[in-house]
Amino acid sequence: MQRSTGMQSNEHPHDIPLADSEPVGWGWRGFLLALWVGGSFGGMYFVRQLEQITVLGWPLGYWLAAQGLIIGYVCIVAFYAWLANRRERRRRIPLAGPDGEGV
């Protein structure tokens, strides 16, 4: 039995609307980009105030520049990947129905 793809026979797979093919919407992208900009420029903007706080013998500004912001960037990328995977799972077409036959 042939699997249904949800497309008409005259549609091309590349004719899917761009919004449906993107892994994450623009709202989430804008939010994550704002976090990136805030971390990058905000952390460095307040570096003089952060230099007065000491953690394990080193200024807090050093810790943010050396490890903190990099960990933040990795968290942003991991969250983006999680969102993209979640959307892909929701859009996936099942290969077989509950009775074992093709959909």
Protein backbone atom coordinates (compact mmCIF):
# COMPACT_ATOMS: atom_id res chain seq x y z
CA MET A 1 0.00 0.00 0.00
CA GLN A 2 1.33 3.44 -0.86
CA ARG A 3 2.12 5.85 1.96
CA SER A 4 0.26 9.15 1.93
CA THR A 5 2.50 12.21 2.00
CA GLY A 6 -0.24 14.77 2.39
CA MET A 7 0.55 16.31 -1.02
CA GLN A 8 -1.57 16.27 -4.15
CA SER A 9 -0.13 14.38 -7.12
CA ASN A 10 0.60 17.63 -9.00
CA GLU A 11 2.48 19.27 -6.09
CA HIS A 12 6.24 19.28 -5.94
CA PRO A 13 7.95 18.61 -2.57
CA HIS A 14 9.73 21.95 -2.83
CA ASP A 15 6.40 23.80 -3.09
CA ILE A 16 5.86 23.54 0.68
CA PRO A 17 5.37 27.02 2.19
CA LEU A 18 8.56 28.34 3.77
CA ALA A 19 6.90 28.82 7.16
CA ASP A 20 6.04 25.10 7.26
CA SER A 21 9.56 24.00 6.37
CA GLU A 22 11.43 26.10 8.93
CA PRO A 23 12.49 24.23 12.06
CA VAL A 24 11.70 27.09 14.48
CA GLY A 25 9.49 30.16 14.08
CA TRP A 26 10.72 33.73 13.89
CA GLY A 27 9.39 34.56 17.36
CA TRP A 28 11.65 32.01 19.01
CA ARG A 29 14.57 32.99 16.78
CA GLY A 30 14.16 36.63 17.77
CA PHE A 31 13.98 35.72 21.45
CA LEU A 32 17.13 33.57 21.28
CA LEU A 33 18.92 36.25 19.28
CA ALA A 34 17.98 38.82 21.93
CA LEU A 35 19.43 36.51 24.60
CA TRP A 36 22.63 36.23 22.59
CA VAL A 37 22.90 40.00 22.11
CA GLY A 38 22.03 40.64 25.76
CA GLY A 39 24.66 38.19 26.95
CA SER A 40 27.35 39.40 24.57
CA PHE A 41 26.96 43.13 24.94
CA GLY A 42 25.27 43.29 28.34
CA GLY A 43 27.96 41.26 30.04
CA MET A 44 30.72 43.40 28.56
CA TYR A 45 28.85 46.67 29.16
CA PHE A 46 28.75 46.05 32.90
CA VAL A 47 32.26 44.62 33.13
CA ARG A 48 33.55 47.47 35.34
CA GLN A 49 30.87 46.80 37.94
CA LEU A 50 31.45 43.05 37.66
CA GLU A 51 35.20 43.46 38.21
CA GLN A 52 34.49 44.52 41.80
CA ILE A 53 32.90 41.14 42.60
CA THR A 54 35.43 38.37 43.25
CA VAL A 55 34.72 34.64 42.77
CA LEU A 56 37.42 32.14 43.83
CA GLY A 57 40.04 34.86 43.71
CA TRP A 58 39.21 36.09 40.21
CA PRO A 59 36.98 39.00 39.14
CA LEU A 60 33.47 38.05 38.00
CA GLY A 61 34.08 39.76 34.64
CA TYR A 62 36.85 37.24 33.96
CA TRP A 63 34.57 34.31 34.75
CA LEU A 64 31.85 35.61 32.45
CA ALA A 65 34.27 36.20 29.59
CA ALA A 66 36.15 32.92 30.04
CA GLN A 67 33.34 30.46 30.78
CA GLY A 68 29.97 32.00 31.56
CA LEU A 69 29.07 33.46 28.19
CA ILE A 70 30.33 30.41 26.31
CA ILE A 71 28.12 28.17 28.47
CA GLY A 72 25.23 30.53 27.77
CA TYR A 73 25.79 30.28 24.01
CA VAL A 74 25.85 26.48 24.20
CA CYS A 75 22.58 26.56 26.16
CA ILE A 76 20.99 28.80 23.51
CA VAL A 77 22.05 26.41 20.72
CA ALA A 78 20.86 23.36 22.71
CA PHE A 79 17.47 25.00 23.32
CA TYR A 80 17.15 25.85 19.60
CA ALA A 81 17.95 22.24 18.68
CA TRP A 82 15.39 20.97 21.20
CA LEU A 83 12.71 23.27 19.74
CA ALA A 84 13.54 22.17 16.18
CA ASN A 85 13.41 18.49 17.10
CA ARG A 86 10.09 18.93 18.90
CA ARG A 87 8.54 20.60 15.85
CA GLU A 88 9.90 17.91 13.53
CA ARG A 89 8.41 15.16 15.74
CA ARG A 90 5.01 16.87 15.64
CA ARG A 91 5.06 17.15 11.85
CA ARG A 92 6.28 13.58 11.19
CA ILE A 93 3.88 11.39 9.24
CA PRO A 94 3.36 7.92 10.77
CA LEU A 95 4.45 5.00 8.60
CA ALA A 96 1.74 2.64 9.82
CA GLY A 97 -1.60 2.98 11.52
CA PRO A 98 -2.68 1.15 14.68
CA ASP A 99 -3.68 -1.96 12.67
CA GLY A 100 -0.18 -2.20 11.10
CA GLU A 101 -1.27 -1.16 7.62
CA GLY A 102 0.19 1.84 5.81
CA VAL A 103 -1.54 5.17 6.19
